[in-house]
Amino acid sequence: MTLPDWSDPAVGPSTVQGGRSAAEVALAIGQFGARHFPDRWFGVCFDQTMNKVWVQRTPGGDLDRQALDDVRHPGVEIEFVNVMASRKDFAALTERIMETDRFYWEAKGVDIRDARVSEDGAGVVVVALGAQDEIRARYFPLVIKVRPY
């Protein structure tokens, strides 16, 4: 038995004959969503072997329909997944925590070292010493975890 040359992208298991790979579809949908729907868009992930793309966005609006209409995806399954906020909104929150509210937390004796968006779209993770419960309460429900450094 001769095995196919998997190094050739045209032969790979995630490419449907005459179609696009899951990676290509994910890239195209990612660019489309970020450009046309920044207030709803979070991100995208894919599985080459399953030939599937998951689109993370806030519910509502026309993103789902327009992405399916505008991005050619023969043979690639696309699933839309709800997240609590867009990447733009999560980024604004991390900036607020690290910049705008910095003096508020310093006055309380809280040292916030970092705030970052979780890649799965679940929320923001804050790295800080002290006031974990207060930090979560102030930014609820978008801060999902506060951990010490």
C-alpha atoms as a PDB file:
ATOM      1  CA  MET A   1       0.000   0.000   0.000  1.00  0.00           C
ATOM      2  CA  THR A   2       1.327   3.426  -0.929  1.00  0.00           C
ATOM      3  CA  LEU A   3       0.555   6.306   1.398  1.00  0.00           C
ATOM      4  CA  PRO A   4      -0.248   9.737  -0.029  1.00  0.00           C
ATOM      5  CA  ASP A   5       2.290  12.528   0.243  1.00  0.00           C
ATOM      6  CA  TRP A   6       0.696  14.557   3.060  1.00  0.00           C
ATOM      7  CA  SER A   7       3.243  17.352   2.567  1.00  0.00           C
ATOM      8  CA  ASP A   8       1.353  18.303  -0.591  1.00  0.00           C
ATOM      9  CA  PRO A   9      -1.496  20.584   0.592  1.00  0.00           C
ATOM     10  CA  ALA A  10      -3.667  19.439  -2.315  1.00  0.00           C
ATOM     11  CA  VAL A  11      -3.622  15.908  -0.894  1.00  0.00           C
ATOM     12  CA  GLY A  12      -4.072  16.729   2.805  1.00  0.00           C
ATOM     13  CA  PRO A  13      -6.978  15.160   4.659  1.00  0.00           C
ATOM     14  CA  SER A  14      -8.627  18.531   5.317  1.00  0.00           C
ATOM     15  CA  THR A  15      -8.878  19.601   1.691  1.00  0.00           C
ATOM     16  CA  VAL A  16     -11.973  18.596  -0.201  1.00  0.00           C
ATOM     17  CA  GLN A  17     -11.392  18.044  -3.878  1.00  0.00           C
ATOM     18  CA  GLY A  18     -11.823  21.413  -5.585  1.00  0.00           C
ATOM     19  CA  GLY A  19     -12.423  23.069  -2.210  1.00  0.00           C
ATOM     20  CA  ARG A  20     -10.495  24.906   0.432  1.00  0.00           C
ATOM     21  CA  SER A  21      -8.836  23.659   3.576  1.00  0.00           C
ATOM     22  CA  ALA A  22     -10.280  24.460   6.992  1.00  0.00           C
ATOM     23  CA  ALA A  23      -7.252  26.709   7.607  1.00  0.00           C
ATOM     24  CA  GLU A  24      -7.940  28.723   4.451  1.00  0.00           C
ATOM     25  CA  VAL A  25     -11.615  29.101   5.325  1.00  0.00           C
ATOM     26  CA  ALA A  26     -10.758  30.106   8.907  1.00  0.00           C
ATOM     27  CA  LEU A  27      -8.334  32.760   7.658  1.00  0.00           C
ATOM     28  CA  ALA A  28     -10.878  34.146   5.187  1.00  0.00           C
ATOM     29  CA  ILE A  29     -13.685  34.238   7.747  1.00  0.00           C
ATOM     30  CA  GLY A  30     -11.325  35.773  10.300  1.00  0.00           C
ATOM     31  CA  GLN A  31     -10.421  38.607   7.956  1.00  0.00           C
ATOM     32  CA  PHE A  32     -14.051  39.077   6.936  1.00  0.00           C
ATOM     33  CA  GLY A  33     -15.368  39.170  10.513  1.00  0.00           C
ATOM     34  CA  ALA A  34     -12.687  41.521  11.836  1.00  0.00           C
ATOM     35  CA  ARG A  35     -13.149  43.922   8.923  1.00  0.00           C
ATOM     36  CA  HIS A  36     -16.941  43.987   8.623  1.00  0.00           C
ATOM     37  CA  PHE A  37     -18.173  43.139  12.146  1.00  0.00           C
ATOM     38  CA  PRO A  38     -15.649  44.445  14.713  1.00  0.00           C
ATOM     39  CA  ASP A  39     -18.404  44.967  17.308  1.00  0.00           C
ATOM     40  CA  ARG A  40     -19.497  41.307  17.106  1.00  0.00           C
ATOM     41  CA  TRP A  41     -16.301  39.512  16.121  1.00  0.00           C
ATOM     42  CA  PHE A  42     -14.090  37.592  18.542  1.00  0.00           C
ATOM     43  CA  GLY A  43     -12.124  34.987  16.643  1.00  0.00           C
ATOM     44  CA  VAL A  44     -11.974  31.679  14.858  1.00  0.00           C
ATOM     45  CA  CYS A  45     -10.455  28.268  15.397  1.00  0.00           C
ATOM     46  CA  PHE A  46     -10.341  25.205  13.191  1.00  0.00           C
ATOM     47  CA  ASP A  47      -9.568  21.520  13.047  1.00  0.00           C
ATOM     48  CA  GLN A  48      -7.858  20.340   9.871  1.00  0.00           C
ATOM     49  CA  THR A  49      -8.671  16.666  10.392  1.00  0.00           C
ATOM     50  CA  MET A  50     -12.367  17.331  11.014  1.00  0.00           C
ATOM     51  CA  ASN A  51     -12.443  19.935   8.240  1.00  0.00           C
ATOM     52  CA  LYS A  52     -14.350  22.225  10.579  1.00  0.00           C
ATOM     53  CA  VAL A  53     -14.209  25.915  11.526  1.00  0.00           C
ATOM     54  CA  TRP A  54     -15.668  27.444  14.687  1.00  0.00           C
ATOM     55  CA  VAL A  55     -16.520  31.141  14.463  1.00  0.00           C
ATOM     56  CA  GLN A  56     -16.608  32.942  17.820  1.00  0.00           C
ATOM     57  CA  ARG A  57     -18.839  36.002  17.882  1.00  0.00           C
ATOM     58  CA  THR A  58     -21.504  37.690  19.956  1.00  0.00           C
ATOM     59  CA  PRO A  59     -25.019  36.521  19.044  1.00  0.00           C
ATOM     60  CA  GLY A  60     -27.328  38.514  16.811  1.00  0.00           C
ATOM     61  CA  GLY A  61     -26.786  40.574  13.713  1.00  0.00           C
ATOM     62  CA  ASP A  62     -25.945  39.456  10.191  1.00  0.00           C
ATOM     63  CA  LEU A  63     -22.399  38.153  10.705  1.00  0.00           C
ATOM     64  CA  ASP A  64     -23.377  34.477  10.435  1.00  0.00           C
ATOM     65  CA  ARG A  65     -25.405  34.833   7.249  1.00  0.00           C
ATOM     66  CA  GLN A  66     -22.964  37.187   5.545  1.00  0.00           C
ATOM     67  CA  ALA A  67     -19.925  35.083   6.415  1.00  0.00           C
ATOM     68  CA  LEU A  68     -21.602  32.008   4.945  1.00  0.00           C
ATOM     69  CA  ASP A  69     -22.634  33.968   1.837  1.00  0.00           C
ATOM     70  CA  ASP A  70     -19.335  35.809   1.284  1.00  0.00           C
ATOM     71  CA  VAL A  71     -16.693  33.198   2.134  1.00  0.00           C
ATOM     72  CA  ARG A  72     -16.516  30.187  -0.174  1.00  0.00           C
ATOM     73  CA  HIS A  73     -16.285  27.058   1.967  1.00  0.00           C
ATOM     74  CA  PRO A  74     -17.171  23.884   0.004  1.00  0.00           C
ATOM     75  CA  GLY A  75     -16.601  20.800   2.108  1.00  0.00           C
ATOM     76  CA  VAL A  76     -15.762  22.754   5.277  1.00  0.00           C
ATOM     77  CA  GLU A  77     -18.274  22.675   8.116  1.00  0.00           C
ATOM     78  CA  ILE A  78     -18.765  26.016   9.871  1.00  0.00           C
ATOM     79  CA  GLU A  79     -20.217  26.321  13.364  1.00  0.00           C
ATOM     80  CA  PHE A  80     -20.996  29.647  15.041  1.00  0.00           C
ATOM     81  CA  VAL A  81     -20.239  29.864  18.768  1.00  0.00           C
ATOM     82  CA  ASN A  82     -21.523  32.536  21.157  1.00  0.00           C
ATOM     83  CA  VAL A  83     -19.086  34.552  23.259  1.00  0.00           C
ATOM     84  CA  MET A  84     -19.906  37.247  25.819  1.00  0.00           C
ATOM     85  CA  ALA A  85     -18.138  40.124  24.059  1.00  0.00           C
ATOM     86  CA  SER A  86     -16.293  40.992  20.901  1.00  0.00           C
ATOM     87  CA  ARG A  87     -12.498  41.003  20.811  1.00  0.00           C
ATOM     88  CA  LYS A  88     -12.750  44.798  20.533  1.00  0.00           C
ATOM     89  CA  ASP A  89     -14.809  44.984  23.760  1.00  0.00           C
ATOM     90  CA  PHE A  90     -12.499  42.593  25.618  1.00  0.00           C
ATOM     91  CA  ALA A  91      -9.476  44.640  24.487  1.00  0.00           C
ATOM     92  CA  ALA A  92     -11.148  47.821  25.747  1.00  0.00           C
ATOM     93  CA  LEU A  93     -11.725  46.165  29.125  1.00  0.00           C
ATOM     94  CA  THR A  94      -8.096  45.058  29.445  1.00  0.00           C
ATOM     95  CA  GLU A  95      -7.016  48.624  28.632  1.00  0.00           C
ATOM     96  CA  ARG A  96      -9.434  49.987  31.240  1.00  0.00           C
ATOM     97  CA  ILE A  97      -8.090  47.605  33.890  1.00  0.00           C
ATOM     98  CA  MET A  98      -4.437  48.285  33.099  1.00  0.00           C
ATOM     99  CA  GLU A  99      -4.605  52.023  32.328  1.00  0.00           C
ATOM    100  CA  THR A 100      -7.794  53.854  33.277  1.00  0.00           C
ATOM    101  CA  ASP A 101      -8.416  52.045  36.586  1.00  0.00           C
ATOM    102  CA  ARG A 102      -4.744  51.682  37.523  1.00  0.00           C
ATOM    103  CA  PHE A 103      -4.782  54.488  40.086  1.00  0.00           C
ATOM    104  CA  TYR A 104      -8.028  53.184  41.595  1.00  0.00           C
ATOM    105  CA  TRP A 105      -6.407  49.822  42.300  1.00  0.00           C
ATOM    106  CA  GLU A 106      -3.100  51.312  43.439  1.00  0.00           C
ATOM    107  CA  ALA A 107      -4.985  53.453  45.981  1.00  0.00           C
ATOM    108  CA  LYS A 108      -6.445  50.227  47.373  1.00  0.00           C
ATOM    109  CA  GLY A 109      -2.996  48.645  47.571  1.00  0.00           C
ATOM    110  CA  VAL A 110      -3.704  46.203  44.738  1.00  0.00           C
ATOM    111  CA  ASP A 111      -0.897  45.450  42.290  1.00  0.00           C
ATOM    112  CA  ILE A 112      -2.329  44.457  38.912  1.00  0.00           C
ATOM    113  CA  ARG A 113       0.442  43.047  36.741  1.00  0.00           C
ATOM    114  CA  ASP A 114      -1.474  41.939  33.664  1.00  0.00           C
ATOM    115  CA  ALA A 115      -4.873  41.611  32.068  1.00  0.00           C
ATOM    116  CA  ARG A 116      -5.331  39.547  28.940  1.00  0.00           C
ATOM    117  CA  VAL A 117      -8.121  38.151  26.823  1.00  0.00           C
ATOM    118  CA  SER A 118      -8.519  34.387  27.013  1.00  0.00           C
ATOM    119  CA  GLU A 119      -8.180  32.855  23.567  1.00  0.00           C
ATOM    120  CA  ASP A 120     -11.344  30.803  23.929  1.00  0.00           C
ATOM    121  CA  GLY A 121     -13.503  33.931  24.182  1.00  0.00           C
ATOM    122  CA  ALA A 122     -14.599  33.196  27.741  1.00  0.00           C
ATOM    123  CA  GLY A 123     -13.387  36.527  29.141  1.00  0.00           C
ATOM    124  CA  VAL A 124     -10.461  38.400  30.644  1.00  0.00           C
ATOM    125  CA  VAL A 125      -7.872  36.926  32.995  1.00  0.00           C
ATOM    126  CA  VAL A 126      -6.287  39.344  35.464  1.00  0.00           C
ATOM    127  CA  VAL A 127      -2.958  38.745  37.210  1.00  0.00           C
ATOM    128  CA  ALA A 128      -2.931  40.610  40.531  1.00  0.00           C
ATOM    129  CA  LEU A 129      -2.066  40.418  44.198  1.00  0.00           C
ATOM    130  CA  GLY A 130      -5.004  41.094  46.471  1.00  0.00           C
ATOM    131  CA  ALA A 131      -8.689  41.919  46.005  1.00  0.00           C
ATOM    132  CA  GLN A 132      -9.475  38.996  43.699  1.00  0.00           C
ATOM    133  CA  ASP A 133     -13.159  38.991  44.649  1.00  0.00           C
ATOM    134  CA  GLU A 134     -13.415  42.770  44.309  1.00  0.00           C
ATOM    135  CA  ILE A 135     -11.770  42.724  40.871  1.00  0.00           C
ATOM    136  CA  ARG A 136     -14.160  40.027  39.653  1.00  0.00           C
ATOM    137  CA  ALA A 137     -17.161  41.928  41.069  1.00  0.00           C
ATOM    138  CA  ARG A 138     -16.127  45.260  39.514  1.00  0.00           C
ATOM    139  CA  TYR A 139     -15.789  43.819  35.998  1.00  0.00           C
ATOM    140  CA  PHE A 140     -18.403  41.054  36.188  1.00  0.00           C
ATOM    141  CA  PRO A 141     -19.149  39.092  34.039  1.00  0.00           C
ATOM    142  CA  LEU A 142     -16.271  39.776  31.651  1.00  0.00           C
ATOM    143  CA  VAL A 143     -13.418  38.985  34.063  1.00  0.00           C
ATOM    144  CA  ILE A 144     -13.421  35.210  34.398  1.00  0.00           C
ATOM    145  CA  LYS A 145     -10.372  34.712  36.584  1.00  0.00           C
ATOM    146  CA  VAL A 146      -8.068  36.665  38.859  1.00  0.00           C
ATOM    147  CA  ARG A 147      -4.876  34.870  39.756  1.00  0.00           C
ATOM    148  CA  PRO A 148      -1.814  35.864  41.757  1.00  0.00           C
ATOM    149  CA  TYR A 149       1.547  36.297  40.104  1.00  0.00           C
END
